[in-house]
Amino acid sequence: MKASLKESIAGHAFLIAGAVIALYPFLSIMAQALSPAPGSTASGPTLENFESAWTRGGFSLSLFSSAFVALAVVAVTGFVAALAGYALSVLKVRWRGLIMAVLLIGLVLPSEARIIPLYDMMSSLGLLNTYWALILPQIASSFSLATFWMANYFGALPSSLAEASSLDGANSWQTLRHVYAPLGMSALATLSCLVFLYTWNEFMLALVLMPDDASVQTAPLSLSFFAGNERNTEPEVIAAAAVLVALPVVIAYAFLQRRFMSGLLEGAVKE
């Protein structure tokens, strides 16, 4: 009994220490963002820095751009990955092994290796400094992981589901729509969270492919430009801008964490 109590205390202490380490950067930036900037008349915590960062940094446009790009990438990637995962795991299409091997290359190829070819391609298509310059590469880079994710999930489901659906007269599309898609919503929701976070935080592609048009720049890129201009003058305003950029992701995760964790654990035990 004493040993289990010690293990419980040690486990809780470890979790608390990990939580403190994880939360400290965000809390320190939040504290700096709420502190009065030089020249401010406020004597305590204030929201003046957030108002200043919002107006001077133009984050209304950049947050809209980030949301638009992220939601577009999530929608297209989720739909295509569900189709591809179903075809690879349930329909057992020809050349399945070769297709999976090609997708594996997409997982291991570093993003830095794609930058110059992507720039040349987007430049030749006239898509630089447009939403498409970020949406299309993000869909392509997320496709491999998303397809493996959905294929593994559908493959873990009992094969009798497809057989029973076929006996009832359903074709492949009807089986996906009425059987596999509803069962795969938890996995698809978790995948959507991951793709959304990855897309929202993407900086390098935005820096290379849309550096000149402020109206389509995403929030991380706008934050970088804003911090470069204000670093030596008002760090409190920069901290407020960083909070503004991170806050949508934090809020989204706070509301979706239960579904996110259930989706990660879904299929961990196969009966």
Protein backbone atom coordinates (compact mmCIF):
# COMPACT_ATOMS: atom_id res chain seq x y z
CA MET A 1 0.00 0.00 0.00
CA LYS A 2 2.83 2.36 0.85
CA ALA A 3 4.57 1.54 -2.41
CA SER A 4 1.46 2.35 -4.44
CA LEU A 5 1.04 5.62 -2.54
CA LYS A 6 4.63 6.56 -3.29
CA GLU A 7 4.14 5.69 -6.94
CA SER A 8 1.00 7.83 -7.05
CA ILE A 9 2.75 10.80 -5.45
CA ALA A 10 5.75 10.40 -7.78
CA GLY A 11 3.47 10.17 -10.80
CA HIS A 12 1.50 13.27 -9.85
CA ALA A 13 4.71 15.18 -9.10
CA PHE A 14 6.10 14.21 -12.50
CA LEU A 15 2.90 15.32 -14.25
CA ILE A 16 2.81 18.63 -12.36
CA ALA A 17 6.46 19.30 -13.22
CA GLY A 18 5.77 18.53 -16.88
CA ALA A 19 2.73 20.82 -16.88
CA VAL A 20 4.76 23.66 -15.35
CA ILE A 21 7.51 23.23 -17.94
CA ALA A 22 4.97 23.18 -20.77
CA LEU A 23 2.96 26.15 -19.52
CA TYR A 24 5.82 28.38 -18.40
CA PRO A 25 6.67 29.85 -21.86
CA PHE A 26 3.05 30.73 -22.60
CA LEU A 27 2.41 32.14 -19.13
CA SER A 28 5.60 34.22 -19.21
CA ILE A 29 4.64 35.68 -22.61
CA MET A 30 1.10 36.34 -21.33
CA ALA A 31 2.48 38.11 -18.26
CA GLN A 32 4.69 40.30 -20.43
CA ALA A 33 1.79 41.04 -22.80
CA LEU A 34 -0.35 42.22 -19.87
CA SER A 35 2.37 44.41 -18.36
CA PRO A 36 2.34 48.15 -19.22
CA ALA A 37 4.50 49.17 -22.17
CA PRO A 38 6.95 52.08 -21.88
CA GLY A 39 5.01 55.32 -21.92
CA SER A 40 1.76 53.70 -20.82
CA THR A 41 -0.30 55.34 -18.08
CA ALA A 42 -1.54 51.98 -16.75
CA SER A 43 -0.21 50.95 -13.36
CA GLY A 44 -1.19 47.27 -13.50
CA PRO A 45 -2.19 44.56 -15.96
CA THR A 46 -3.63 46.11 -19.09
CA LEU A 47 -5.01 45.12 -22.49
CA GLU A 48 -3.50 48.13 -24.23
CA ASN A 49 -0.75 46.02 -25.77
CA PHE A 50 -3.28 43.72 -27.44
CA GLU A 51 -5.15 46.66 -28.92
CA SER A 52 -1.90 48.20 -30.15
CA ALA A 53 -0.69 44.92 -31.68
CA TRP A 54 -4.06 44.31 -33.36
CA THR A 55 -4.20 47.71 -35.03
CA ARG A 56 -0.51 48.23 -35.86
CA GLY A 57 0.19 44.67 -36.95
CA GLY A 58 -2.90 44.21 -39.11
CA PHE A 59 -3.60 40.82 -37.54
CA SER A 60 -7.25 40.81 -38.52
CA LEU A 61 -6.24 40.07 -42.13
CA SER A 62 -3.48 37.62 -41.24
CA LEU A 63 -5.66 35.65 -38.81
CA PHE A 64 -8.36 35.42 -41.48
CA SER A 65 -5.75 34.23 -44.00
CA SER A 66 -4.45 31.58 -41.59
CA ALA A 67 -7.97 30.37 -40.82
CA PHE A 68 -8.95 30.27 -44.50
CA VAL A 69 -5.81 28.37 -45.53
CA ALA A 70 -5.97 25.96 -42.60
CA LEU A 71 -9.66 25.14 -43.05
CA ALA A 72 -9.24 24.66 -46.80
CA VAL A 73 -6.29 22.31 -46.29
CA VAL A 74 -8.14 20.36 -43.58
CA ALA A 75 -11.29 19.95 -45.68
CA VAL A 76 -9.56 18.78 -48.86
CA THR A 77 -6.97 16.62 -47.09
CA GLY A 78 -9.56 14.89 -44.93
CA PHE A 79 -11.86 14.13 -47.87
CA VAL A 80 -9.11 12.84 -50.18
CA ALA A 81 -7.38 10.88 -47.40
CA ALA A 82 -10.63 9.13 -46.49
CA LEU A 83 -11.10 8.05 -50.11
CA ALA A 84 -7.48 6.96 -50.51
CA GLY A 85 -7.37 5.17 -47.15
CA TYR A 86 -10.56 3.29 -47.97
CA ALA A 87 -9.24 2.26 -51.39
CA LEU A 88 -5.92 1.05 -49.98
CA SER A 89 -7.16 -0.76 -46.89
CA VAL A 90 -10.62 -2.05 -47.85
CA LEU A 91 -10.76 -2.28 -51.63
CA LYS A 92 -7.16 -3.59 -51.84
CA VAL A 93 -6.43 -1.77 -55.10
CA ARG A 94 -3.68 -2.95 -57.45
CA TRP A 95 -0.14 -1.77 -56.80
CA ARG A 96 -1.09 -1.13 -53.19
CA GLY A 97 2.45 -1.82 -51.97
CA LEU A 98 4.00 0.51 -54.52
CA ILE A 99 1.53 3.28 -53.70
CA MET A 100 2.28 2.97 -49.99
CA ALA A 101 6.00 3.10 -50.72
CA VAL A 102 5.58 6.31 -52.74
CA LEU A 103 3.52 7.81 -49.93
CA LEU A 104 6.29 6.87 -47.49
CA ILE A 105 8.69 9.05 -49.48
CA GLY A 106 6.36 11.96 -48.84
CA LEU A 107 6.65 11.33 -45.11
CA VAL A 108 10.45 11.24 -44.96
CA LEU A 109 11.25 13.95 -47.53
CA PRO A 110 12.25 17.10 -45.60
CA SER A 111 10.25 20.21 -46.34
CA GLU A 112 13.44 22.19 -47.03
CA ALA A 113 14.11 19.99 -50.05
CA ARG A 114 10.81 21.05 -51.62
CA ILE A 115 11.11 24.80 -51.21
CA ILE A 116 13.04 25.71 -54.39
CA PRO A 117 11.05 23.39 -56.71
CA LEU A 118 7.81 24.69 -55.19
CA TYR A 119 8.90 28.29 -55.71
CA ASP A 120 9.75 27.63 -59.35
CA MET A 121 6.46 25.82 -59.91
CA MET A 122 4.32 28.49 -58.27
CA SER A 123 6.21 31.23 -60.07
CA SER A 124 5.66 29.57 -63.46
CA LEU A 125 1.94 29.17 -62.66
CA GLY A 126 1.62 32.76 -61.50
CA LEU A 127 0.45 31.72 -58.04
CA LEU A 128 3.04 33.47 -55.88
CA ASN A 129 1.55 35.73 -53.20
CA THR A 130 -1.84 34.00 -53.44
CA TYR A 131 -3.70 31.63 -51.16
CA TRP A 132 -3.17 28.83 -53.65
CA ALA A 133 0.59 29.08 -53.19
CA LEU A 134 0.15 27.86 -49.62
CA ILE A 135 -2.98 25.72 -49.86
CA LEU A 136 -1.81 23.38 -52.64
CA PRO A 137 1.64 22.54 -51.16
CA GLN A 138 0.11 22.09 -47.71
CA ILE A 139 -2.44 19.62 -49.06
CA ALA A 140 0.32 17.72 -50.85
CA SER A 141 2.58 17.63 -47.79
CA SER A 142 -0.26 16.46 -45.50
CA PHE A 143 -1.59 13.84 -47.90
CA SER A 144 0.91 11.07 -47.07
CA LEU A 145 0.37 11.19 -43.32
CA ALA A 146 -3.38 11.57 -43.73
CA THR A 147 -3.63 8.60 -46.09
CA PHE A 148 -1.58 6.35 -43.80
CA TRP A 149 -3.71 7.50 -40.87
CA MET A 150 -7.05 6.67 -42.48
CA ALA A 151 -5.78 3.49 -44.15
CA ASN A 152 -4.54 2.12 -40.82
CA TYR A 153 -7.82 3.02 -39.14
CA PHE A 154 -10.03 1.47 -41.83
CA GLY A 155 -7.74 -1.57 -41.98
CA ALA A 156 -8.21 -2.16 -38.25
CA LEU A 157 -11.98 -2.41 -38.63
CA PRO A 158 -13.48 -5.91 -39.10
CA SER A 159 -13.57 -7.02 -42.73
CA SER A 160 -17.03 -8.44 -42.05
CA LEU A 161 -18.41 -4.89 -42.24
CA ALA A 162 -17.64 -4.65 -45.95
CA GLU A 163 -18.84 -8.20 -46.55
CA ALA A 164 -22.16 -7.59 -44.80
CA SER A 165 -22.65 -4.35 -46.70
CA SER A 166 -21.96 -6.10 -49.98
CA LEU A 167 -24.49 -8.82 -49.16
CA ASP A 168 -27.06 -6.10 -48.55
CA GLY A 169 -26.51 -4.86 -52.11
CA ALA A 170 -24.36 -1.82 -51.35
CA ASN A 171 -21.60 -0.84 -53.77
CA SER A 172 -18.16 0.39 -52.72
CA TRP A 173 -19.19 4.04 -52.53
CA GLN A 174 -22.29 3.26 -50.46
CA THR A 175 -20.23 1.11 -48.12
CA LEU A 176 -17.80 3.97 -47.55
CA ARG A 177 -20.55 6.55 -47.13
CA HIS A 178 -22.88 4.61 -44.82
CA VAL A 179 -20.51 2.24 -42.96
CA TYR A 180 -16.87 3.28 -42.91
CA ALA A 181 -17.24 7.08 -42.95
CA PRO A 182 -19.46 7.24 -39.83
CA LEU A 183 -17.13 4.86 -37.98
CA GLY A 184 -14.09 6.86 -39.05
CA MET A 185 -15.31 10.25 -37.83
CA SER A 186 -13.25 10.11 -34.62
CA ALA A 187 -10.07 9.28 -36.53
CA LEU A 188 -10.88 11.95 -39.10
CA ALA A 189 -11.48 14.53 -36.35
CA THR A 190 -8.11 13.78 -34.77
CA LEU A 191 -6.43 13.95 -38.16
CA SER A 192 -8.12 17.29 -38.82
CA CYS A 193 -6.75 18.67 -35.55
CA LEU A 194 -3.22 17.61 -36.45
CA VAL A 195 -3.42 18.99 -39.98
CA PHE A 196 -4.95 22.24 -38.70
CA LEU A 197 -2.14 22.74 -36.17
CA TYR A 198 0.52 21.92 -38.75
CA THR A 199 -0.98 24.25 -41.34
CA TRP A 200 -1.62 27.11 -38.93
CA ASN A 201 1.99 27.08 -37.68
CA GLU A 202 3.62 26.77 -41.12
CA PHE A 203 6.12 29.57 -41.55
CA MET A 204 8.76 28.64 -44.14
CA LEU A 205 6.37 28.09 -47.05
CA ALA A 206 4.57 31.34 -46.28
CA LEU A 207 7.86 33.23 -46.09
CA VAL A 208 9.05 31.94 -49.48
CA LEU A 209 5.79 31.79 -51.42
CA MET A 210 3.85 34.85 -50.21
CA PRO A 211 6.31 37.44 -48.82
CA ASP A 212 5.14 40.53 -50.74
CA ASP A 213 1.36 40.77 -50.34
CA ALA A 214 0.30 41.63 -46.78
CA SER A 215 -3.35 40.93 -47.58
CA VAL A 216 -2.75 37.17 -47.93
CA GLN A 217 0.08 36.66 -45.44
CA THR A 218 -0.64 34.23 -42.63
CA ALA A 219 -0.44 35.02 -38.93
CA PRO A 220 3.00 33.48 -38.21
CA LEU A 221 4.54 35.40 -41.12
CA SER A 222 2.88 38.67 -40.09
CA LEU A 223 4.09 38.11 -36.54
CA SER A 224 7.65 37.64 -37.77
CA PHE A 225 7.59 40.86 -39.79
CA PHE A 226 5.92 42.75 -36.95
CA ALA A 227 8.44 41.47 -34.38
CA GLY A 228 11.33 42.42 -36.66
CA ASN A 229 10.09 45.99 -36.79
CA GLU A 230 9.26 46.33 -33.09
CA ARG A 231 11.84 44.13 -31.33
CA ASN A 232 13.96 46.96 -29.93
CA THR A 233 11.11 49.29 -28.97
CA GLU A 234 8.12 47.54 -27.35
CA PRO A 235 8.61 43.87 -26.44
CA GLU A 236 5.31 43.95 -24.53
CA VAL A 237 3.42 44.64 -27.77
CA ILE A 238 5.31 41.83 -29.51
CA ALA A 239 4.32 39.46 -26.69
CA ALA A 240 0.69 40.53 -27.10
CA ALA A 241 0.92 39.85 -30.85
CA ALA A 242 2.35 36.38 -30.16
CA VAL A 243 -0.58 35.63 -27.85
CA LEU A 244 -3.05 36.80 -30.50
CA VAL A 245 -1.51 34.42 -33.05
CA ALA A 246 -1.43 31.44 -30.67
CA LEU A 247 -4.80 32.01 -29.01
CA PRO A 248 -7.05 30.50 -31.75
CA VAL A 249 -5.10 27.25 -31.65
CA VAL A 250 -5.19 27.12 -27.84
CA ILE A 251 -8.95 27.74 -27.81
CA ALA A 252 -9.58 25.13 -30.52
CA TYR A 253 -7.54 22.52 -28.68
CA ALA A 254 -9.26 23.32 -25.36
CA PHE A 255 -12.65 22.55 -26.91
CA LEU A 256 -11.52 19.54 -28.97
CA GLN A 257 -9.08 17.86 -26.59
CA ARG A 258 -11.48 15.08 -25.57
CA ARG A 259 -12.20 14.14 -29.17
CA PHE A 260 -8.51 14.55 -30.00
CA MET A 261 -7.40 12.11 -27.29
CA SER A 262 -10.18 9.64 -28.01
CA GLY A 263 -9.21 9.66 -31.67
CA LEU A 264 -5.56 9.02 -30.82
CA LEU A 265 -6.52 6.04 -28.65
CA GLU A 266 -9.20 4.75 -31.02
CA GLY A 267 -8.12 1.44 -32.45
CA ALA A 268 -5.21 1.06 -30.03
CA VAL A 269 -6.77 -2.23 -28.94
CA LYS A 270 -8.03 -4.43 -31.74
CA GLU A 271 -10.42 -7.18 -30.76
